[in-house]
Every structure is written in structure tokens, then in C-alpha cells.
Amino acid sequence: MNSLSSTPLHNNLRLLLLRFILCIVVSCKLTNGIVKLPPNVSVPAVLVFGDSIVDTGNNNNNLRTTARCNFPPYGKDFEGGIPTGRFSNGKVPSDLL
């Protein structure tokens, strides 16, 4: 019996993976940051479009719903551990930017 490592399909997948990794490495080396802020200048806002990874919701103010998140454990990883009305126990990646 032939082992899995000697099949043509396995060799093709290995070659495809190697090419993919090579493309990622080359593209990372070729890209440079073009925009540079002057010293002591900050960006006033960041607009982030995405899914639940960056949007945890906040329905405590304007919606009539019973689904609230203004109680523990929500917000336990924020400073002070105060629930903020977001369906998250802490910061999401866009909060860290």
C-alpha cells in the first residue's frame, strides 16, 4: 500500500501550500506604510465596518427590547468592571486601535 505522503494529490497540496506561504511572505516584504502622521497628532475617529468581532452592539439607550447587557459579567474586563451595554466582557480589536 502507498502511504498518504506519496500520493500525487498530497504532493500538489504541499506545493500549493508552499506557494501560498511564499506569496504571503513576499507581499509582506513588498508593502510599506505610506501614511505617516506627524508627531503629536492623533486620529479623531476610526470607522470600522465588520461583523460581531468589531461590533458588539449597544442597545441600552434607544431600543425597546428585553435583551439588555447592562449587568455582570458583561464589561468585567473594562476598567472598573462596569457593564457598558455592549455584548462583550471587554474590548474588541477596534477598541485597541
PDB file of N, CA and C in Angstrom:
ATOM      1  N   MET A   1       0.826  -1.187   0.000  1.00  0.00           N
ATOM      2  CA  MET A   1       0.000   0.000   0.000  1.00  0.00           C
ATOM      3  C   MET A   1       0.867   1.245   0.000  1.00  0.00           C
ATOM      4  N   ASN A   2       0.397   2.223  -0.718  1.00  0.00           N
ATOM      5  CA  ASN A   2       1.094   3.502  -0.748  1.00  0.00           C
ATOM      6  C   ASN A   2       0.693   4.328   0.458  1.00  0.00           C
ATOM      7  N   SER A   3       1.658   5.024   0.989  1.00  0.00           N
ATOM      8  CA  SER A   3       1.325   5.911   2.102  1.00  0.00           C
ATOM      9  C   SER A   3       0.727   7.200   1.551  1.00  0.00           C
ATOM     10  N   LEU A   4       0.083   7.941   2.421  1.00  0.00           N
ATOM     11  CA  LEU A   4      -0.575   9.184   2.022  1.00  0.00           C
ATOM     12  C   LEU A   4       0.426  10.211   1.515  1.00  0.00           C
ATOM     13  N   SER A   5       1.644  10.190   2.056  1.00  0.00           N
ATOM     14  CA  SER A   5       2.623  11.202   1.676  1.00  0.00           C
ATOM     15  C   SER A   5       3.146  11.023   0.257  1.00  0.00           C
ATOM     16  N   SER A   6       2.898   9.892  -0.358  1.00  0.00           N
ATOM     17  CA  SER A   6       3.416   9.669  -1.704  1.00  0.00           C
ATOM     18  C   SER A   6       2.358   9.850  -2.787  1.00  0.00           C
ATOM     19  N   THR A   7       1.151  10.227  -2.416  1.00  0.00           N
ATOM     20  CA  THR A   7       0.110  10.395  -3.421  1.00  0.00           C
ATOM     21  C   THR A   7       0.306  11.701  -4.175  1.00  0.00           C
ATOM     22  N   PRO A   8      -0.060  11.725  -5.452  1.00  0.00           N
ATOM     23  CA  PRO A   8       0.078  12.971  -6.226  1.00  0.00           C
ATOM     24  C   PRO A   8      -0.750  14.117  -5.649  1.00  0.00           C
ATOM     25  N   LEU A   9      -1.925  13.810  -5.110  1.00  0.00           N
ATOM     26  CA  LEU A   9      -2.758  14.854  -4.520  1.00  0.00           C
ATOM     27  C   LEU A   9      -2.059  15.508  -3.338  1.00  0.00           C
ATOM     28  N   HIS A  10      -1.424  14.694  -2.505  1.00  0.00           N
ATOM     29  CA  HIS A  10      -0.717  15.231  -1.345  1.00  0.00           C
ATOM     30  C   HIS A  10       0.446  16.105  -1.788  1.00  0.00           C
ATOM     31  N   ASN A  11       1.158  15.684  -2.817  1.00  0.00           N
ATOM     32  CA  ASN A  11       2.276  16.487  -3.323  1.00  0.00           C
ATOM     33  C   ASN A  11       1.782  17.807  -3.908  1.00  0.00           C
ATOM     34  N   ASN A  12       0.649  17.781  -4.604  1.00  0.00           N
ATOM     35  CA  ASN A  12       0.083  19.014  -5.157  1.00  0.00           C
ATOM     36  C   ASN A  12      -0.359  19.963  -4.057  1.00  0.00           C
ATOM     37  N   LEU A  13      -0.967  19.425  -2.999  1.00  0.00           N
ATOM     38  CA  LEU A  13      -1.392  20.274  -1.883  1.00  0.00           C
ATOM     39  C   LEU A  13      -0.193  20.880  -1.170  1.00  0.00           C
ATOM     40  N   ARG A  14       0.848  20.099  -1.022  1.00  0.00           N
ATOM     41  CA  ARG A  14       2.059  20.605  -0.372  1.00  0.00           C
ATOM     42  C   ARG A  14       2.670  21.736  -1.204  1.00  0.00           C
ATOM     43  N   LEU A  15       2.716  21.560  -2.519  1.00  0.00           N
ATOM     44  CA  LEU A  15       3.243  22.594  -3.399  1.00  0.00           C
ATOM     45  C   LEU A  15       2.365  23.844  -3.375  1.00  0.00           C
ATOM     46  N   LEU A  16       1.057  23.661  -3.354  1.00  0.00           N
ATOM     47  CA  LEU A  16       0.136  24.792  -3.281  1.00  0.00           C
ATOM     48  C   LEU A  16       0.318  25.561  -1.974  1.00  0.00           C
ATOM     49  N   LEU A  17       0.461  24.851  -0.866  1.00  0.00           N
ATOM     50  CA  LEU A  17       0.682  25.496   0.426  1.00  0.00           C
ATOM     51  C   LEU A  17       2.003  26.252   0.434  1.00  0.00           C
ATOM     52  N   LEU A  18       3.031  25.667  -0.128  1.00  0.00           N
ATOM     53  CA  LEU A  18       4.328  26.332  -0.190  1.00  0.00           C
ATOM     54  C   LEU A  18       4.250  27.609  -1.022  1.00  0.00           C
ATOM     55  N   ARG A  19       3.554  27.558  -2.146  1.00  0.00           N
ATOM     56  CA  ARG A  19       3.386  28.753  -2.978  1.00  0.00           C
ATOM     57  C   ARG A  19       2.585  29.826  -2.251  1.00  0.00           C
ATOM     58  N   PHE A  20       1.557  29.420  -1.530  1.00  0.00           N
ATOM     59  CA  PHE A  20       0.741  30.375  -0.779  1.00  0.00           C
ATOM     60  C   PHE A  20       1.574  31.076   0.290  1.00  0.00           C
ATOM     61  N   ILE A  21       2.334  30.317   1.036  1.00  0.00           N
ATOM     62  CA  ILE A  21       3.179  30.904   2.084  1.00  0.00           C
ATOM     63  C   ILE A  21       4.216  31.832   1.468  1.00  0.00           C
ATOM     64  N   LEU A  22       4.785  31.437   0.341  1.00  0.00           N
ATOM     65  CA  LEU A  22       5.762  32.281  -0.336  1.00  0.00           C
ATOM     66  C   LEU A  22       5.135  33.596  -0.793  1.00  0.00           C
ATOM     67  N   CYS A  23       3.921  33.533  -1.328  1.00  0.00           N
ATOM     68  CA  CYS A  23       3.225  34.758  -1.749  1.00  0.00           C
ATOM     69  C   CYS A  23       2.950  35.676  -0.567  1.00  0.00           C
ATOM     70  N   ILE A  24       2.551  35.115   0.558  1.00  0.00           N
ATOM     71  CA  ILE A  24       2.294  35.924   1.753  1.00  0.00           C
ATOM     72  C   ILE A  24       3.576  36.597   2.226  1.00  0.00           C
ATOM     73  N   VAL A  25       4.669  35.849   2.282  1.00  0.00           N
ATOM     74  CA  VAL A  25       5.939  36.411   2.749  1.00  0.00           C
ATOM     75  C   VAL A  25       6.419  37.512   1.811  1.00  0.00           C
ATOM     76  N   VAL A  26       6.345  37.268   0.509  1.00  0.00           N
ATOM     77  CA  VAL A  26       6.798  38.272  -0.461  1.00  0.00           C
ATOM     78  C   VAL A  26       5.926  39.521  -0.390  1.00  0.00           C
ATOM     79  N   SER A  27       4.614  39.348  -0.292  1.00  0.00           N
ATOM     80  CA  SER A  27       3.741  40.524  -0.234  1.00  0.00           C
ATOM     81  C   SER A  27       3.954  41.316   1.050  1.00  0.00           C
ATOM     82  N   CYS A  28       4.267  40.648   2.143  1.00  0.00           N
ATOM     83  CA  CYS A  28       4.548  41.372   3.390  1.00  0.00           C
ATOM     84  C   CYS A  28       5.844  42.162   3.286  1.00  0.00           C
ATOM     85  N   LYS A  29       6.810  41.623   2.592  1.00  0.00           N
ATOM     86  CA  LYS A  29       8.086  42.322   2.442  1.00  0.00           C
ATOM     87  C   LYS A  29       7.978  43.501   1.477  1.00  0.00           C
ATOM     88  N   LEU A  30       7.077  43.424   0.498  1.00  0.00           N
ATOM     89  CA  LEU A  30       6.969  44.473  -0.510  1.00  0.00           C
ATOM     90  C   LEU A  30       6.085  45.636  -0.087  1.00  0.00           C
ATOM     91  N   THR A  31       5.235  45.439   0.901  1.00  0.00           N
ATOM     92  CA  THR A  31       4.330  46.513   1.307  1.00  0.00           C
ATOM     93  C   THR A  31       4.991  47.383   2.362  1.00  0.00           C
ATOM     94  N   ASN A  32       4.821  48.662   2.214  1.00  0.00           N
ATOM     95  CA  ASN A  32       5.354  49.631   3.179  1.00  0.00           C
ATOM     96  C   ASN A  32       4.237  50.567   3.591  1.00  0.00           C
ATOM     97  N   GLY A  33       4.313  51.067   4.801  1.00  0.00           N
ATOM     98  CA  GLY A  33       3.347  52.057   5.248  1.00  0.00           C
ATOM     99  C   GLY A  33       3.567  53.368   4.505  1.00  0.00           C
ATOM    100  N   ILE A  34       2.544  53.874   3.865  1.00  0.00           N
ATOM    101  CA  ILE A  34       2.671  55.096   3.076  1.00  0.00           C
ATOM    102  C   ILE A  34       2.287  56.315   3.905  1.00  0.00           C
ATOM    103  N   VAL A  35       1.262  56.177   4.726  1.00  0.00           N
ATOM    104  CA  VAL A  35       0.765  57.311   5.501  1.00  0.00           C
ATOM    105  C   VAL A  35       1.492  57.352   6.839  1.00  0.00           C
ATOM    106  N   LYS A  36       2.107  58.481   7.120  1.00  0.00           N
ATOM    107  CA  LYS A  36       2.776  58.670   8.405  1.00  0.00           C
ATOM    108  C   LYS A  36       2.279  59.970   9.011  1.00  0.00           C
ATOM    109  N   LEU A  37       1.794  59.889  10.228  1.00  0.00           N
ATOM    110  CA  LEU A  37       1.311  61.083  10.913  1.00  0.00           C
ATOM    111  C   LEU A  37       2.480  61.859  11.499  1.00  0.00           C
ATOM    112  N   PRO A  38       2.377  63.169  11.510  1.00  0.00           N
ATOM    113  CA  PRO A  38       3.396  63.966  12.191  1.00  0.00           C
ATOM    114  C   PRO A  38       3.371  63.667  13.693  1.00  0.00           C
ATOM    115  N   PRO A  39       4.447  63.977  14.384  1.00  0.00           N
ATOM    116  CA  PRO A  39       4.469  63.738  15.833  1.00  0.00           C
ATOM    117  C   PRO A  39       3.375  64.531  16.547  1.00  0.00           C
ATOM    118  N   ASN A  40       2.863  63.980  17.613  1.00  0.00           N
ATOM    119  CA  ASN A  40       1.840  64.596  18.463  1.00  0.00           C
ATOM    120  C   ASN A  40       0.529  64.865  17.737  1.00  0.00           C
ATOM    121  N   VAL A  41       0.208  64.081  16.722  1.00  0.00           N
ATOM    122  CA  VAL A  41      -1.061  64.196  16.006  1.00  0.00           C
ATOM    123  C   VAL A  41      -1.801  62.882  16.171  1.00  0.00           C
ATOM    124  N   SER A  42      -3.076  62.968  16.504  1.00  0.00           N
ATOM    125  CA  SER A  42      -3.872  61.754  16.662  1.00  0.00           C
ATOM    126  C   SER A  42      -5.046  61.774  15.696  1.00  0.00           C
ATOM    127  N   VAL A  43      -5.548  60.601  15.411  1.00  0.00           N
ATOM    128  CA  VAL A  43      -6.702  60.458  14.531  1.00  0.00           C
ATOM    129  C   VAL A  43      -7.954  60.638  15.380  1.00  0.00           C
ATOM    130  N   PRO A  44      -8.893  61.523  15.002  1.00  0.00           N
ATOM    131  CA  PRO A  44     -10.052  61.798  15.848  1.00  0.00           C
ATOM    132  C   PRO A  44     -11.058  60.653  15.915  1.00  0.00           C
ATOM    133  N   ALA A  45     -11.136  59.825  14.876  1.00  0.00           N
ATOM    134  CA  ALA A  45     -12.117  58.742  14.877  1.00  0.00           C
ATOM    135  C   ALA A  45     -11.679  57.657  13.907  1.00  0.00           C
ATOM    136  N   VAL A  46     -12.150  56.456  14.174  1.00  0.00           N
ATOM    137  CA  VAL A  46     -11.907  55.327  13.287  1.00  0.00           C
ATOM    138  C   VAL A  46     -13.254  54.691  12.983  1.00  0.00           C
ATOM    139  N   LEU A  47     -13.598  54.586  11.712  1.00  0.00           N
ATOM    140  CA  LEU A  47     -14.827  53.914  11.308  1.00  0.00           C
ATOM    141  C   LEU A  47     -14.480  52.482  10.949  1.00  0.00           C
ATOM    142  N   VAL A  48     -15.111  51.538  11.629  1.00  0.00           N
ATOM    143  CA  VAL A  48     -14.823  50.129  11.414  1.00  0.00           C
ATOM    144  C   VAL A  48     -16.095  49.445  10.959  1.00  0.00           C
ATOM    145  N   PHE A  49     -16.032  48.806   9.803  1.00  0.00           N
ATOM    146  CA  PHE A  49     -17.156  48.034   9.289  1.00  0.00           C
ATOM    147  C   PHE A  49     -16.798  46.564   9.438  1.00  0.00           C
ATOM    148  N   GLY A  50     -17.715  45.786   9.974  1.00  0.00           N
ATOM    149  CA  GLY A  50     -17.402  44.382  10.140  1.00  0.00           C
ATOM    150  C   GLY A  50     -18.541  43.616  10.757  1.00  0.00           C
ATOM    151  N   ASP A  51     -18.187  42.502  11.341  1.00  0.00           N
ATOM    152  CA  ASP A  51     -19.185  41.621  11.941  1.00  0.00           C
ATOM    153  C   ASP A  51     -19.086  41.696  13.458  1.00  0.00           C
ATOM    154  N   SER A  52     -19.488  40.648  14.135  1.00  0.00           N
ATOM    155  CA  SER A  52     -19.554  40.678  15.594  1.00  0.00           C
ATOM    156  C   SER A  52     -18.191  40.770  16.257  1.00  0.00           C
ATOM    157  N   ILE A  53     -17.117  40.567  15.524  1.00  0.00           N
ATOM    158  CA  ILE A  53     -15.790  40.715  16.117  1.00  0.00           C
ATOM    159  C   ILE A  53     -15.525  42.176  16.455  1.00  0.00           C
ATOM    160  N   VAL A  54     -16.029  43.089  15.651  1.00  0.00           N
ATOM    161  CA  VAL A  54     -15.789  44.509  15.900  1.00  0.00           C
ATOM    162  C   VAL A  54     -17.040  45.260  16.331  1.00  0.00           C
ATOM    163  N   ASP A  55     -18.200  44.650  16.225  1.00  0.00           N
ATOM    164  CA  ASP A  55     -19.440  45.325  16.608  1.00  0.00           C
ATOM    165  C   ASP A  55     -20.172  44.468  17.625  1.00  0.00           C
ATOM    166  N   THR A  56     -20.087  44.849  18.873  1.00  0.00           N
ATOM    167  CA  THR A  56     -20.733  44.066  19.924  1.00  0.00           C
ATOM    168  C   THR A  56     -22.099  44.598  20.295  1.00  0.00           C
ATOM    169  N   GLY A  57     -22.514  45.668  19.635  1.00  0.00           N
ATOM    170  CA  GLY A  57     -23.842  46.217  19.891  1.00  0.00           C
ATOM    171  C   GLY A  57     -23.885  47.086  21.131  1.00  0.00           C
ATOM    172  N   ASN A  58     -24.909  47.870  21.231  1.00  0.00           N
ATOM    173  CA  ASN A  58     -25.157  48.698  22.402  1.00  0.00           C
ATOM    174  C   ASN A  58     -26.617  49.109  22.338  1.00  0.00           C
ATOM    175  N   ASN A  59     -27.455  48.411  23.070  1.00  0.00           N
ATOM    176  CA  ASN A  59     -28.892  48.652  22.951  1.00  0.00           C
ATOM    177  C   ASN A  59     -29.511  49.184  24.232  1.00  0.00           C
ATOM    178  N   ASN A  60     -28.746  49.782  25.099  1.00  0.00           N
ATOM    179  CA  ASN A  60     -29.299  50.247  26.368  1.00  0.00           C
ATOM    180  C   ASN A  60     -30.023  51.581  26.267  1.00  0.00           C
ATOM    181  N   ASN A  61     -29.812  52.332  25.223  1.00  0.00           N
ATOM    182  CA  ASN A  61     -30.342  53.690  25.196  1.00  0.00           C
ATOM    183  C   ASN A  61     -31.630  53.858  24.409  1.00  0.00           C
ATOM    184  N   ASN A  62     -31.693  53.379  23.183  1.00  0.00           N
ATOM    185  CA  ASN A  62     -32.780  53.776  22.303  1.00  0.00           C
ATOM    186  C   ASN A  62     -33.721  52.661  21.870  1.00  0.00           C
ATOM    187  N   LEU A  63     -33.446  51.444  22.189  1.00  0.00           N
ATOM    188  CA  LEU A  63     -34.276  50.345  21.710  1.00  0.00           C
ATOM    189  C   LEU A  63     -35.196  49.824  22.804  1.00  0.00           C
ATOM    190  N   ARG A  64     -36.391  49.456  22.402  1.00  0.00           N
ATOM    191  CA  ARG A  64     -37.309  48.796  23.329  1.00  0.00           C
ATOM    192  C   ARG A  64     -37.125  47.297  23.177  1.00  0.00           C
ATOM    193  N   THR A  65     -36.337  46.746  24.044  1.00  0.00           N
ATOM    194  CA  THR A  65     -36.064  45.317  23.989  1.00  0.00           C
ATOM    195  C   THR A  65     -35.783  44.805  25.390  1.00  0.00           C
ATOM    196  N   THR A  66     -36.013  43.536  25.585  1.00  0.00           N
ATOM    197  CA  THR A  66     -35.690  42.930  26.876  1.00  0.00           C
ATOM    198  C   THR A  66     -34.275  42.378  26.878  1.00  0.00           C
ATOM    199  N   ALA A  67     -33.638  42.326  25.724  1.00  0.00           N
ATOM    200  CA  ALA A  67     -32.265  41.820  25.632  1.00  0.00           C
ATOM    201  C   ALA A  67     -31.301  42.938  26.000  1.00  0.00           C
ATOM    202  N   ARG A  68     -30.947  42.998  27.245  1.00  0.00           N
ATOM    203  CA  ARG A  68     -30.016  44.011  27.735  1.00  0.00           C
ATOM    204  C   ARG A  68     -28.728  43.334  28.185  1.00  0.00           C
ATOM    205  N   CYS A  69     -27.681  44.117  28.242  1.00  0.00           N
ATOM    206  CA  CYS A  69     -26.407  43.586  28.733  1.00  0.00           C
ATOM    207  C   CYS A  69     -25.737  44.600  29.659  1.00  0.00           C
ATOM    208  N   ASN A  70     -26.533  45.205  30.512  1.00  0.00           N
ATOM    209  CA  ASN A  70     -26.008  46.184  31.463  1.00  0.00           C
ATOM    210  C   ASN A  70     -25.882  45.583  32.862  1.00  0.00           C
ATOM    211  N   PHE A  71     -25.463  44.326  32.912  1.00  0.00           N
ATOM    212  CA  PHE A  71     -25.277  43.630  34.183  1.00  0.00           C
ATOM    213  C   PHE A  71     -24.071  42.702  34.042  1.00  0.00           C
ATOM    214  N   PRO A  72     -23.458  42.304  35.169  1.00  0.00           N
ATOM    215  CA  PRO A  72     -22.318  41.389  35.096  1.00  0.00           C
ATOM    216  C   PRO A  72     -22.732  40.060  34.476  1.00  0.00           C
ATOM    217  N   PRO A  73     -21.887  39.391  33.768  1.00  0.00           N
ATOM    218  CA  PRO A  73     -20.443  39.562  33.614  1.00  0.00           C
ATOM    219  C   PRO A  73     -20.037  40.494  32.488  1.00  0.00           C
ATOM    220  N   TYR A  74     -20.997  41.096  31.775  1.00  0.00           N
ATOM    221  CA  TYR A  74     -20.630  41.992  30.681  1.00  0.00           C
ATOM    222  C   TYR A  74     -19.836  43.169  31.222  1.00  0.00           C
ATOM    223  N   GLY A  75     -18.737  43.488  30.562  1.00  0.00           N
ATOM    224  CA  GLY A  75     -17.904  44.612  30.960  1.00  0.00           C
ATOM    225  C   GLY A  75     -16.895  44.306  32.038  1.00  0.00           C
ATOM    226  N   LYS A  76     -16.772  43.049  32.446  1.00  0.00           N
ATOM    227  CA  LYS A  76     -15.876  42.739  33.560  1.00  0.00           C
ATOM    228  C   LYS A  76     -14.409  43.022  33.249  1.00  0.00           C
ATOM    229  N   ASP A  77     -14.029  43.041  31.971  1.00  0.00           N
ATOM    230  CA  ASP A  77     -12.638  43.311  31.616  1.00  0.00           C
ATOM    231  C   ASP A  77     -12.376  44.778  31.290  1.00  0.00           C
ATOM    232  N   PHE A  78     -13.398  45.631  31.347  1.00  0.00           N
ATOM    233  CA  PHE A  78     -13.188  47.064  31.186  1.00  0.00           C
ATOM    234  C   PHE A  78     -12.622  47.635  32.476  1.00  0.00           C
ATOM    235  N   GLU A  79     -12.054  48.832  32.384  1.00  0.00           N
ATOM    236  CA  GLU A  79     -11.558  49.489  33.590  1.00  0.00           C
ATOM    237  C   GLU A  79     -12.720  49.729  34.536  1.00  0.00           C
ATOM    238  N   GLY A  80     -12.591  49.322  35.750  1.00  0.00           N
ATOM    239  CA  GLY A  80     -13.647  49.463  36.738  1.00  0.00           C
ATOM    240  C   GLY A  80     -14.641  48.319  36.714  1.00  0.00           C
ATOM    241  N   GLY A  81     -14.628  47.501  35.664  1.00  0.00           N
ATOM    242  CA  GLY A  81     -15.527  46.357  35.573  1.00  0.00           C
ATOM    243  C   GLY A  81     -16.991  46.724  35.459  1.00  0.00           C
ATOM    244  N   ILE A  82     -17.280  47.895  34.918  1.00  0.00           N
ATOM    245  CA  ILE A  82     -18.660  48.370  34.828  1.00  0.00           C
ATOM    246  C   ILE A  82     -19.262  47.941  33.494  1.00  0.00           C
ATOM    247  N   PRO A  83     -20.423  47.283  33.500  1.00  0.00           N
ATOM    248  CA  PRO A  83     -21.083  46.924  32.242  1.00  0.00           C
ATOM    249  C   PRO A  83     -21.468  48.175  31.458  1.00  0.00           C
ATOM    250  N   THR A  84     -21.195  48.147  30.165  1.00  0.00           N
ATOM    251  CA  THR A  84     -21.416  49.322  29.330  1.00  0.00           C
ATOM    252  C   THR A  84     -22.597  49.185  28.390  1.00  0.00           C
ATOM    253  N   GLY A  85     -23.260  48.048  28.393  1.00  0.00           N
ATOM    254  CA  GLY A  85     -24.361  47.835  27.471  1.00  0.00           C
ATOM    255  C   GLY A  85     -23.933  47.155  26.190  1.00  0.00           C
ATOM    256  N   ARG A  86     -22.694  46.721  26.133  1.00  0.00           N
ATOM    257  CA  ARG A  86     -22.195  46.014  24.958  1.00  0.00           C
ATOM    258  C   ARG A  86     -22.187  44.520  25.247  1.00  0.00           C
ATOM    259  N   PHE A  87     -22.496  43.719  24.248  1.00  0.00           N
ATOM    260  CA  PHE A  87     -22.489  42.271  24.406  1.00  0.00           C
ATOM    261  C   PHE A  87     -21.060  41.751  24.326  1.00  0.00           C
ATOM    262  N   SER A  88     -20.234  42.193  25.251  1.00  0.00           N
ATOM    263  CA  SER A  88     -18.833  41.803  25.317  1.00  0.00           C
ATOM    264  C   SER A  88     -18.368  42.002  26.746  1.00  0.00           C
ATOM    265  N   ASN A  89     -17.411  41.189  27.169  1.00  0.00           N
ATOM    266  CA  ASN A  89     -16.896  41.373  28.518  1.00  0.00           C
ATOM    267  C   ASN A  89     -15.668  42.270  28.535  1.00  0.00           C
ATOM    268  N   GLY A  90     -15.272  42.760  27.384  1.00  0.00           N
ATOM    269  CA  GLY A  90     -14.102  43.621  27.331  1.00  0.00           C
ATOM    270  C   GLY A  90     -13.970  44.302  25.994  1.00  0.00           C
ATOM    271  N   LYS A  91     -12.758  44.695  25.695  1.00  0.00           N
ATOM    272  CA  LYS A  91     -12.507  45.438  24.466  1.00  0.00           C
ATOM    273  C   LYS A  91     -12.434  44.496  23.268  1.00  0.00           C
ATOM    274  N   VAL A  92     -12.815  45.020  22.112  1.00  0.00           N
ATOM    275  CA  VAL A  92     -12.713  44.292  20.850  1.00  0.00           C
ATOM    276  C   VAL A  92     -11.530  44.882  20.073  1.00  0.00           C
ATOM    277  N   PRO A  93     -11.070  44.224  18.994  1.00  0.00           N
ATOM    278  CA  PRO A  93      -9.877  44.720  18.287  1.00  0.00           C
ATOM    279  C   PRO A  93      -9.947  46.183  17.869  1.00  0.00           C
ATOM    280  N   SER A  94     -11.101  46.669  17.476  1.00  0.00           N
ATOM    281  CA  SER A  94     -11.176  48.073  17.056  1.00  0.00           C
ATOM    282  C   SER A  94     -11.022  49.032  18.232  1.00  0.00           C
ATOM    283  N   ASP A  95     -11.290  48.584  19.449  1.00  0.00           N
ATOM    284  CA  ASP A  95     -11.063  49.431  20.624  1.00  0.00           C
ATOM    285  C   ASP A  95      -9.573  49.624  20.889  1.00  0.00           C
ATOM    286  N   LEU A  96      -8.763  48.698  20.429  1.00  0.00           N
ATOM    287  CA  LEU A  96      -7.336  48.752  20.707  1.00  0.00           C
ATOM    288  C   LEU A  96      -6.560  49.584  19.697  1.00  0.00           C
ATOM    289  N   LEU A  97      -7.227  50.033  18.644  1.00  0.00           N
ATOM    290  CA  LEU A  97      -6.523  50.827  17.619  1.00  0.00           C
ATOM    291  C   LEU A  97      -6.188  52.180  18.119  1.00  0.00           C
TER     292      LEU A  97
END
